[in-house]
Amino acid sequence: MDPATVLIVDDELRVLDALEAILAAEFRVVRAAGGEAALDILRAADVAVIVTDYRMPGMTGVELLRRSQEHAPDAVRIILTAYTDVDSLMEAINTARIYHFVPKPWEPNDLVLIVRRAAERYALGRENARLRDELEVAYNALRRDLAAVRARPLGFDTMIG
């Protein structure tokens, strides 16, 4: 199975480098230095997990995650933050479908585990959607078959087998 694609977004190059170094062993990592660049990537690539800084110039991480829902509705969203403003956190949870908040400074092993779980959640969601589609196709085929059987007139030979 191909590794999940993780989009990392931060305006600080050293943070992007650190995140990539931690995650690249297990995931396909793509980077963006800000919200607009991240949205461009989301328009072009299938991303399983988005990991973004909370405070960035131009577009906050919450705004990025809110807007990302249009281009990557199934992506699992993680936000890194050194801030614990309860109102901001509630807004993020309610409007941007945040999967997990990771406080700064983050522990590398903890971050990898959180991203791994997010990627698993993404894969399970995809598998669930695929199975629902298969079930719908099978259900519709059975309905058609049943309708065809019901539409056939019953003759004496059919009744006695």
N, C-alpha and C. Protein backbone atom coordinates (compact mmCIF):
# COMPACT_ATOMS: atom_id res chain seq x y z
N MET A 1 0.84 -1.18 0.00
CA MET A 1 0.00 0.00 0.00
C MET A 1 0.89 1.24 0.00
N ASP A 2 0.52 2.23 -0.80
CA ASP A 2 1.29 3.47 -0.88
C ASP A 2 1.17 4.24 0.43
N PRO A 3 2.25 4.95 0.79
CA PRO A 3 2.16 5.75 2.02
C PRO A 3 1.16 6.90 1.84
N ALA A 4 0.52 7.27 2.92
CA ALA A 4 -0.43 8.39 2.90
C ALA A 4 0.32 9.68 2.63
N THR A 5 -0.36 10.59 1.92
CA THR A 5 0.22 11.91 1.67
C THR A 5 -0.18 12.85 2.79
N VAL A 6 0.83 13.50 3.37
CA VAL A 6 0.63 14.44 4.46
C VAL A 6 1.11 15.81 3.99
N LEU A 7 0.22 16.79 4.06
CA LEU A 7 0.56 18.17 3.74
C LEU A 7 0.93 18.87 5.03
N ILE A 8 2.16 19.42 5.09
CA ILE A 8 2.58 20.19 6.26
C ILE A 8 2.63 21.66 5.86
N VAL A 9 2.11 22.51 6.74
CA VAL A 9 2.00 23.94 6.43
C VAL A 9 2.52 24.75 7.61
N ASP A 10 3.52 25.58 7.35
CA ASP A 10 4.05 26.48 8.38
C ASP A 10 4.82 27.57 7.66
N ASP A 11 4.80 28.77 8.24
CA ASP A 11 5.51 29.88 7.63
C ASP A 11 6.99 29.89 8.01
N GLU A 12 7.40 29.03 8.93
CA GLU A 12 8.80 28.97 9.35
C GLU A 12 9.48 27.77 8.70
N LEU A 13 10.52 28.05 7.91
CA LEU A 13 11.24 27.01 7.18
C LEU A 13 11.80 25.94 8.12
N ARG A 14 12.35 26.35 9.26
CA ARG A 14 12.94 25.37 10.19
C ARG A 14 11.88 24.41 10.73
N VAL A 15 10.66 24.90 10.92
CA VAL A 15 9.58 24.03 11.40
C VAL A 15 9.18 23.05 10.29
N LEU A 16 9.08 23.54 9.06
CA LEU A 16 8.78 22.65 7.93
C LEU A 16 9.84 21.56 7.81
N ASP A 17 11.12 21.97 7.93
CA ASP A 17 12.21 21.00 7.84
C ASP A 17 12.10 19.95 8.95
N ALA A 18 11.81 20.39 10.17
CA ALA A 18 11.69 19.46 11.29
C ALA A 18 10.51 18.51 11.10
N LEU A 19 9.37 19.05 10.69
CA LEU A 19 8.19 18.21 10.46
C LEU A 19 8.47 17.18 9.36
N GLU A 20 9.08 17.63 8.28
CA GLU A 20 9.38 16.71 7.19
C GLU A 20 10.34 15.62 7.64
N ALA A 21 11.37 15.99 8.40
CA ALA A 21 12.34 15.01 8.88
C ALA A 21 11.66 13.95 9.75
N ILE A 22 10.71 14.36 10.55
CA ILE A 22 10.01 13.44 11.45
C ILE A 22 9.04 12.54 10.69
N LEU A 23 8.35 13.08 9.70
CA LEU A 23 7.25 12.35 9.05
C LEU A 23 7.65 11.60 7.79
N ALA A 24 8.75 12.00 7.14
CA ALA A 24 9.08 11.46 5.81
C ALA A 24 9.41 9.97 5.83
N ALA A 25 9.82 9.43 6.95
CA ALA A 25 10.14 8.00 7.00
C ALA A 25 8.90 7.13 6.81
N GLU A 26 7.75 7.66 7.15
CA GLU A 26 6.53 6.86 7.11
C GLU A 26 5.49 7.36 6.11
N PHE A 27 5.58 8.63 5.71
CA PHE A 27 4.55 9.24 4.87
C PHE A 27 5.18 9.95 3.68
N ARG A 28 4.37 10.16 2.66
CA ARG A 28 4.76 11.04 1.56
C ARG A 28 4.43 12.45 2.02
N VAL A 29 5.43 13.30 2.13
CA VAL A 29 5.25 14.63 2.70
C VAL A 29 5.33 15.68 1.59
N VAL A 30 4.33 16.57 1.56
CA VAL A 30 4.38 17.76 0.71
C VAL A 30 4.31 18.97 1.63
N ARG A 31 4.97 20.05 1.21
CA ARG A 31 5.13 21.21 2.09
C ARG A 31 4.54 22.46 1.46
N ALA A 32 4.09 23.34 2.34
CA ALA A 32 3.63 24.66 1.91
C ALA A 32 4.03 25.66 2.99
N ALA A 33 4.45 26.84 2.55
CA ALA A 33 4.92 27.87 3.48
C ALA A 33 3.80 28.82 3.89
N GLY A 34 2.57 28.53 3.50
CA GLY A 34 1.45 29.38 3.87
C GLY A 34 0.15 28.82 3.37
N GLY A 35 -0.94 29.48 3.74
CA GLY A 35 -2.27 29.00 3.42
C GLY A 35 -2.59 28.93 1.94
N GLU A 36 -2.27 29.98 1.20
CA GLU A 36 -2.59 29.98 -0.24
C GLU A 36 -1.83 28.89 -0.98
N ALA A 37 -0.55 28.72 -0.65
CA ALA A 37 0.24 27.66 -1.28
C ALA A 37 -0.34 26.29 -0.93
N ALA A 38 -0.81 26.13 0.29
CA ALA A 38 -1.42 24.87 0.71
C ALA A 38 -2.69 24.59 -0.08
N LEU A 39 -3.51 25.62 -0.27
CA LEU A 39 -4.75 25.43 -1.05
C LEU A 39 -4.43 25.05 -2.49
N ASP A 40 -3.37 25.63 -3.06
CA ASP A 40 -2.95 25.25 -4.42
C ASP A 40 -2.60 23.76 -4.47
N ILE A 41 -1.89 23.29 -3.46
CA ILE A 41 -1.53 21.87 -3.41
C ILE A 41 -2.79 21.01 -3.29
N LEU A 42 -3.71 21.43 -2.45
CA LEU A 42 -4.94 20.65 -2.24
C LEU A 42 -5.80 20.59 -3.50
N ARG A 43 -5.71 21.60 -4.34
CA ARG A 43 -6.45 21.58 -5.61
C ARG A 43 -5.88 20.54 -6.57
N ALA A 44 -4.59 20.23 -6.42
CA ALA A 44 -3.90 19.37 -7.39
C ALA A 44 -3.60 17.96 -6.88
N ALA A 45 -3.59 17.75 -5.57
CA ALA A 45 -3.14 16.47 -5.03
C ALA A 45 -4.17 15.89 -4.07
N ASP A 46 -4.15 14.57 -3.97
CA ASP A 46 -4.99 13.86 -3.02
C ASP A 46 -4.23 13.77 -1.70
N VAL A 47 -4.68 14.49 -0.70
CA VAL A 47 -3.98 14.57 0.58
C VAL A 47 -4.82 13.88 1.65
N ALA A 48 -4.17 13.01 2.42
CA ALA A 48 -4.86 12.29 3.48
C ALA A 48 -4.92 13.09 4.77
N VAL A 49 -3.82 13.77 5.10
CA VAL A 49 -3.70 14.47 6.38
C VAL A 49 -3.12 15.86 6.13
N ILE A 50 -3.70 16.86 6.78
CA ILE A 50 -3.17 18.22 6.73
C ILE A 50 -2.70 18.57 8.14
N VAL A 51 -1.43 18.95 8.25
CA VAL A 51 -0.86 19.39 9.53
C VAL A 51 -0.44 20.84 9.34
N THR A 52 -1.05 21.74 10.09
CA THR A 52 -0.77 23.16 9.90
C THR A 52 -0.53 23.88 11.21
N ASP A 53 0.29 24.91 11.12
CA ASP A 53 0.48 25.81 12.25
C ASP A 53 -0.79 26.62 12.44
N TYR A 54 -1.04 27.03 13.65
CA TYR A 54 -2.23 27.83 13.95
C TYR A 54 -2.07 29.27 13.49
N ARG A 55 -0.95 29.89 13.86
CA ARG A 55 -0.74 31.30 13.54
C ARG A 55 0.27 31.44 12.43
N MET A 56 -0.20 31.98 11.32
CA MET A 56 0.66 32.26 10.17
C MET A 56 0.20 33.58 9.58
N PRO A 57 1.13 34.31 8.96
CA PRO A 57 0.71 35.56 8.32
C PRO A 57 -0.15 35.27 7.08
N GLY A 58 -1.09 36.14 6.83
CA GLY A 58 -1.93 36.01 5.63
C GLY A 58 -3.17 35.18 5.83
N MET A 59 -3.02 34.00 6.40
CA MET A 59 -4.16 33.10 6.61
C MET A 59 -3.85 32.23 7.82
N THR A 60 -4.73 32.22 8.77
CA THR A 60 -4.51 31.36 9.94
C THR A 60 -4.68 29.89 9.57
N GLY A 61 -4.17 29.04 10.42
CA GLY A 61 -4.36 27.61 10.21
C GLY A 61 -5.82 27.21 10.23
N VAL A 62 -6.60 27.86 11.09
CA VAL A 62 -8.04 27.55 11.15
C VAL A 62 -8.71 27.93 9.84
N GLU A 63 -8.39 29.10 9.30
CA GLU A 63 -8.98 29.51 8.02
C GLU A 63 -8.55 28.56 6.91
N LEU A 64 -7.29 28.16 6.89
CA LEU A 64 -6.83 27.19 5.90
C LEU A 64 -7.63 25.90 6.01
N LEU A 65 -7.78 25.39 7.21
CA LEU A 65 -8.50 24.12 7.38
C LEU A 65 -9.97 24.26 7.02
N ARG A 66 -10.54 25.39 7.32
CA ARG A 66 -11.94 25.64 6.93
C ARG A 66 -12.05 25.63 5.40
N ARG A 67 -11.16 26.36 4.74
CA ARG A 67 -11.21 26.44 3.27
C ARG A 67 -10.79 25.12 2.61
N SER A 68 -9.98 24.34 3.29
CA SER A 68 -9.52 23.07 2.72
C SER A 68 -10.67 22.08 2.53
N GLN A 69 -11.75 22.26 3.27
CA GLN A 69 -12.88 21.34 3.17
C GLN A 69 -13.48 21.33 1.76
N GLU A 70 -13.33 22.43 1.04
CA GLU A 70 -13.84 22.50 -0.34
C GLU A 70 -13.02 21.62 -1.28
N HIS A 71 -11.71 21.57 -1.08
CA HIS A 71 -10.82 20.86 -2.00
C HIS A 71 -10.46 19.45 -1.51
N ALA A 72 -10.48 19.26 -0.21
CA ALA A 72 -10.10 17.96 0.37
C ALA A 72 -11.05 17.64 1.52
N PRO A 73 -12.31 17.38 1.20
CA PRO A 73 -13.30 17.19 2.27
C PRO A 73 -13.01 16.00 3.18
N ASP A 74 -12.32 15.00 2.68
CA ASP A 74 -12.06 13.81 3.48
C ASP A 74 -10.73 13.86 4.23
N ALA A 75 -9.91 14.85 3.94
CA ALA A 75 -8.61 14.95 4.62
C ALA A 75 -8.82 15.12 6.12
N VAL A 76 -7.93 14.53 6.87
CA VAL A 76 -7.97 14.64 8.33
C VAL A 76 -7.09 15.82 8.73
N ARG A 77 -7.62 16.68 9.61
CA ARG A 77 -7.00 17.96 9.90
C ARG A 77 -6.39 18.00 11.30
N ILE A 78 -5.11 18.42 11.33
CA ILE A 78 -4.37 18.54 12.59
C ILE A 78 -3.80 19.95 12.66
N ILE A 79 -3.88 20.56 13.83
CA ILE A 79 -3.36 21.91 13.98
C ILE A 79 -2.32 21.94 15.10
N LEU A 80 -1.21 22.62 14.84
CA LEU A 80 -0.14 22.79 15.82
C LEU A 80 -0.28 24.18 16.42
N THR A 81 -0.27 24.27 17.74
CA THR A 81 -0.46 25.58 18.34
C THR A 81 0.26 25.72 19.67
N ALA A 82 0.78 26.90 19.88
CA ALA A 82 1.35 27.26 21.19
C ALA A 82 0.34 28.05 21.99
N TYR A 83 -0.80 28.35 21.38
CA TYR A 83 -1.81 29.19 22.02
C TYR A 83 -2.97 28.32 22.50
N THR A 84 -3.54 28.71 23.62
CA THR A 84 -4.63 27.92 24.18
C THR A 84 -5.86 28.78 24.45
N ASP A 85 -6.12 29.72 23.58
CA ASP A 85 -7.31 30.55 23.69
C ASP A 85 -8.53 29.66 23.44
N VAL A 86 -9.35 29.47 24.45
CA VAL A 86 -10.47 28.54 24.39
C VAL A 86 -11.45 28.92 23.27
N ASP A 87 -11.76 30.20 23.11
CA ASP A 87 -12.69 30.61 22.06
C ASP A 87 -12.16 30.25 20.68
N SER A 88 -10.87 30.48 20.46
CA SER A 88 -10.28 30.14 19.16
C SER A 88 -10.29 28.64 18.93
N LEU A 89 -9.99 27.88 19.97
CA LEU A 89 -10.00 26.43 19.84
C LEU A 89 -11.40 25.91 19.53
N MET A 90 -12.40 26.46 20.19
CA MET A 90 -13.79 26.05 19.93
C MET A 90 -14.19 26.40 18.50
N GLU A 91 -13.80 27.58 18.03
CA GLU A 91 -14.11 27.97 16.65
C GLU A 91 -13.49 26.97 15.68
N ALA A 92 -12.25 26.61 15.93
CA ALA A 92 -11.56 25.68 15.05
C ALA A 92 -12.26 24.32 15.04
N ILE A 93 -12.62 23.84 16.19
CA ILE A 93 -13.30 22.55 16.27
C ILE A 93 -14.64 22.59 15.54
N ASN A 94 -15.37 23.66 15.75
CA ASN A 94 -16.73 23.74 15.19
C ASN A 94 -16.77 24.06 13.71
N THR A 95 -15.81 24.79 13.20
CA THR A 95 -15.91 25.23 11.80
C THR A 95 -14.91 24.57 10.86
N ALA A 96 -13.83 24.04 11.38
CA ALA A 96 -12.78 23.52 10.49
C ALA A 96 -12.59 22.01 10.61
N ARG A 97 -13.46 21.34 11.34
CA ARG A 97 -13.40 19.88 11.48
C ARG A 97 -12.00 19.40 11.87
N ILE A 98 -11.51 19.92 12.97
CA ILE A 98 -10.18 19.57 13.46
C ILE A 98 -10.22 18.18 14.09
N TYR A 99 -9.31 17.33 13.68
CA TYR A 99 -9.18 15.99 14.27
C TYR A 99 -8.38 16.05 15.58
N HIS A 100 -7.32 16.85 15.57
CA HIS A 100 -6.46 16.86 16.75
C HIS A 100 -5.71 18.19 16.86
N PHE A 101 -5.59 18.68 18.08
CA PHE A 101 -4.72 19.81 18.39
C PHE A 101 -3.43 19.24 18.96
N VAL A 102 -2.31 19.73 18.47
CA VAL A 102 -1.01 19.32 19.01
C VAL A 102 -0.36 20.55 19.60
N PRO A 103 -0.11 20.54 20.91
CA PRO A 103 0.51 21.71 21.53
C PRO A 103 1.99 21.81 21.17
N LYS A 104 2.45 23.05 21.03
CA LYS A 104 3.87 23.29 20.83
C LYS A 104 4.50 23.54 22.19
N PRO A 105 5.69 23.08 22.42
CA PRO A 105 6.49 22.25 21.52
C PRO A 105 5.96 20.81 21.52
N TRP A 106 6.00 20.18 20.35
CA TRP A 106 5.47 18.84 20.23
C TRP A 106 6.59 17.82 20.39
N GLU A 107 6.18 16.67 20.83
CA GLU A 107 7.10 15.55 20.99
C GLU A 107 7.08 14.77 19.67
N PRO A 108 8.24 14.55 19.02
CA PRO A 108 8.26 13.88 17.71
C PRO A 108 7.52 12.55 17.68
N ASN A 109 7.74 11.68 18.66
CA ASN A 109 7.06 10.37 18.65
C ASN A 109 5.55 10.52 18.78
N ASP A 110 5.12 11.46 19.61
CA ASP A 110 3.69 11.71 19.75
C ASP A 110 3.09 12.22 18.45
N LEU A 111 3.80 13.12 17.79
CA LEU A 111 3.31 13.68 16.53
C LEU A 111 3.17 12.59 15.47
N VAL A 112 4.18 11.73 15.36
CA VAL A 112 4.10 10.63 14.39
C VAL A 112 2.90 9.74 14.69
N LEU A 113 2.67 9.44 15.94
CA LEU A 113 1.53 8.60 16.32
C LEU A 113 0.21 9.27 15.96
N ILE A 114 0.09 10.55 16.22
CA ILE A 114 -1.14 11.29 15.89
C ILE A 114 -1.36 11.29 14.38
N VAL A 115 -0.31 11.55 13.61
CA VAL A 115 -0.44 11.57 12.15
C VAL A 115 -0.75 10.17 11.63
N ARG A 116 -0.13 9.16 12.21
CA ARG A 116 -0.42 7.78 11.81
C ARG A 116 -1.90 7.45 12.03
N ARG A 117 -2.41 7.81 13.19
CA ARG A 117 -3.83 7.57 13.47
C ARG A 117 -4.73 8.35 12.52
N ALA A 118 -4.33 9.57 12.20
CA ALA A 118 -5.11 10.37 11.25
C ALA A 118 -5.11 9.72 9.88
N ALA A 119 -3.96 9.21 9.44
CA ALA A 119 -3.88 8.54 8.14
C ALA A 119 -4.74 7.27 8.14
N GLU A 120 -4.73 6.55 9.26
CA GLU A 120 -5.59 5.36 9.37
C GLU A 120 -7.06 5.74 9.30
N ARG A 121 -7.40 6.82 9.95
CA ARG A 121 -8.79 7.30 9.92
C ARG A 121 -9.20 7.65 8.48
N TYR A 122 -8.30 8.31 7.76
CA TYR A 122 -8.55 8.65 6.36
C TYR A 122 -8.76 7.38 5.53
N ALA A 123 -7.87 6.41 5.71
CA ALA A 123 -7.97 5.16 4.94
C ALA A 123 -9.27 4.42 5.27
N LEU A 124 -9.64 4.39 6.53
CA LEU A 124 -10.89 3.74 6.92
C LEU A 124 -12.10 4.45 6.32
N GLY A 125 -12.06 5.76 6.29
CA GLY A 125 -13.15 6.52 5.66
C GLY A 125 -13.27 6.21 4.18
N ARG A 126 -12.12 6.12 3.51
CA ARG A 126 -12.12 5.78 2.09
C ARG A 126 -12.66 4.37 1.86
N GLU A 127 -12.22 3.42 2.68
CA GLU A 127 -12.68 2.04 2.56
C GLU A 127 -14.18 1.95 2.83
N ASN A 128 -14.64 2.67 3.82
CA ASN A 128 -16.06 2.71 4.15
C ASN A 128 -16.87 3.22 2.96
N ALA A 129 -16.41 4.30 2.34
CA ALA A 129 -17.11 4.86 1.18
C ALA A 129 -17.13 3.86 0.02
N ARG A 130 -16.00 3.16 -0.20
CA ARG A 130 -15.94 2.16 -1.27
C ARG A 130 -16.92 1.03 -1.00
N LEU A 131 -16.97 0.56 0.23
CA LEU A 131 -17.89 -0.53 0.57
C LEU A 131 -19.35 -0.09 0.46
N ARG A 132 -19.63 1.14 0.85
CA ARG A 132 -21.01 1.66 0.71
C ARG A 132 -21.40 1.69 -0.76
N ASP A 133 -20.47 2.12 -1.62
CA ASP A 133 -20.75 2.15 -3.06
C ASP A 133 -21.02 0.75 -3.59
N GLU A 134 -20.20 -0.23 -3.18
CA GLU A 134 -20.40 -1.61 -3.62
C GLU A 134 -21.76 -2.13 -3.14
N LEU A 135 -22.09 -1.83 -1.91
CA LEU A 135 -23.37 -2.27 -1.35
C LEU A 135 -24.53 -1.65 -2.11
N GLU A 136 -24.42 -0.40 -2.46
CA GLU A 136 -25.49 0.26 -3.21
C GLU A 136 -25.66 -0.37 -4.59
N VAL A 137 -24.56 -0.69 -5.25
CA VAL A 137 -24.63 -1.34 -6.56
C VAL A 137 -25.31 -2.71 -6.43
N ALA A 138 -24.91 -3.49 -5.43
CA ALA A 138 -25.51 -4.82 -5.22
C ALA A 138 -26.99 -4.70 -4.88
N TYR A 139 -27.33 -3.76 -4.04
CA TYR A 139 -28.73 -3.54 -3.65
C TYR A 139 -29.57 -3.18 -4.87
N ASN A 140 -29.08 -2.29 -5.71
CA ASN A 140 -29.82 -1.89 -6.91
C ASN A 140 -29.98 -3.05 -7.88
N ALA A 141 -28.95 -3.89 -8.00
CA ALA A 141 -29.05 -5.06 -8.87
C ALA A 141 -30.11 -6.03 -8.34
N LEU A 142 -30.13 -6.25 -7.04
CA LEU A 142 -31.15 -7.13 -6.45
C LEU A 142 -32.56 -6.56 -6.63
N ARG A 143 -32.70 -5.27 -6.49
CA ARG A 143 -34.02 -4.65 -6.70
C ARG A 143 -34.49 -4.84 -8.14
N ARG A 144 -33.57 -4.67 -9.09
CA ARG A 144 -33.93 -4.87 -10.50
C ARG A 144 -34.33 -6.33 -10.74
N ASP A 145 -33.54 -7.27 -10.19
CA ASP A 145 -33.86 -8.69 -10.36
C ASP A 145 -35.22 -9.03 -9.75
N LEU A 146 -35.49 -8.51 -8.58
CA LEU A 146 -36.77 -8.77 -7.92
C LEU A 146 -37.92 -8.16 -8.72
N ALA A 147 -37.72 -6.96 -9.24
CA ALA A 147 -38.77 -6.33 -10.04
C ALA A 147 -39.04 -7.15 -11.30
N ALA A 148 -37.98 -7.68 -11.90
CA ALA A 148 -38.15 -8.50 -13.11
C ALA A 148 -38.91 -9.79 -12.78
N VAL A 149 -38.61 -10.40 -11.66
CA VAL A 149 -39.31 -11.63 -11.25
C VAL A 149 -40.78 -11.32 -10.99
N ARG A 150 -41.04 -10.23 -10.31
CA ARG A 150 -42.43 -9.86 -10.00
C ARG A 150 -43.21 -9.50 -11.26
N ALA A 151 -42.55 -9.01 -12.26
CA ALA A 151 -43.24 -8.59 -13.48
C ALA A 151 -43.60 -9.77 -14.37
N ARG A 152 -42.93 -10.90 -14.19
CA ARG A 152 -43.23 -12.07 -15.00
C ARG A 152 -44.54 -12.69 -14.55
N PRO A 153 -45.39 -13.03 -15.50
CA PRO A 153 -46.64 -13.71 -15.10
C PRO A 153 -46.32 -15.12 -14.60
N LEU A 154 -47.05 -15.52 -13.61
CA LEU A 154 -46.87 -16.86 -13.07
C LEU A 154 -47.73 -17.83 -13.88
N GLY A 155 -47.07 -18.77 -14.49
CA GLY A 155 -47.79 -19.82 -15.20
C GLY A 155 -47.82 -21.08 -14.35
N PHE A 156 -48.60 -22.04 -14.80
CA PHE A 156 -48.73 -23.29 -14.05
C PHE A 156 -47.38 -23.98 -13.92
N ASP A 157 -46.59 -24.00 -14.98
CA ASP A 157 -45.27 -24.65 -14.94
C ASP A 157 -44.35 -23.97 -13.94
N THR A 158 -44.46 -22.65 -13.83
CA THR A 158 -43.62 -21.90 -12.89
C THR A 158 -44.02 -22.20 -11.46
N MET A 159 -45.33 -22.34 -11.21
CA MET A 159 -45.80 -22.57 -9.85
C MET A 159 -45.42 -23.95 -9.32
N ILE A 160 -45.42 -24.96 -10.18
CA ILE A 160 -45.14 -26.31 -9.68
C ILE A 160 -43.67 -26.69 -9.85
N GLY A 161 -42.91 -25.83 -10.50
CA GLY A 161 -41.48 -26.02 -10.58
C GLY A 161 -41.07 -26.95 -11.60
